[in-house]
Amino acid sequence: MQWLRFKRKSLIKPGTSTSSSQDSQRSQGLWNGAWISGTCESNYWTASTAPAETLWQMVTNLADLSSWHPLITSTNAPQGQSAKPGLIYRAVMPYLPISTQIFVERVLPGELLSIRLFPLPGLQERVTYRIVSTLCGTCVLYSINLSGWLSPLAWPVVKPHATKVAAALVEAAEQHMSGATTSPKLEKRLEKKLGKSSKARRKDIFGNPL
């Protein structure tokens, strides 16, 4: 059995406000050395009070990823589509003007999801989610690795968002368990839409409203 070494470390910069006191007190940090010198790779973990089943449903519901994922604006996956090995779909990301092809590489139901993204020629991204149940609750492990000759240039852009993925998943799952109907990310989108109600509604390349 491989033991995971967790290193508790705040992912919030000093002076940065948080959405709630619960977020600032959440157990989260880096694991297995986190930043590996000389590579564009990092690993994050966040503890959760939500059941593993709820977390797994949210991370594998491809059509609804944009409701919580800080690196995904929308996808072309149909409603109800779950992640399956070999599945290919496309997603829009906030830092790219074009859609990105995503390939579901590996799925261990309830435990692990591994995907590969191909944003640009010369850049490949591999992401792994692990859902771990412990005696103290549930833990989400999120790993990201960039490869290709463009990776050193892309990493400074991607990394600030990558640090928030595990915590965003946990927050959305706990909001769901508490009965909240709208995730924090969707609430921000709704606020922006209300502020621009007098303007024409914009849509992404898949026809979804922005």
Foldseek 3Di string as FASTA:
>chain_A
DDDKADDWDDPDDPPDDDPDPCLRVWGKDFIPVADDPPFLKGKIKTFAQFALVLLLVQVFQQQCVCQQQQFFPGWLDDGPHGDDAQDWTWTDGPVDQDIKIKGFHDDDPSAKTWIKIDRDVFKIKIKMWGWDQDPVHIMIMIMMGMGGPCCVVCSVVCVSSSNCGNVSSRQQSVCVVVPNPGRPSVVVVVVVCVVCVVPDFDAGPSRHTD
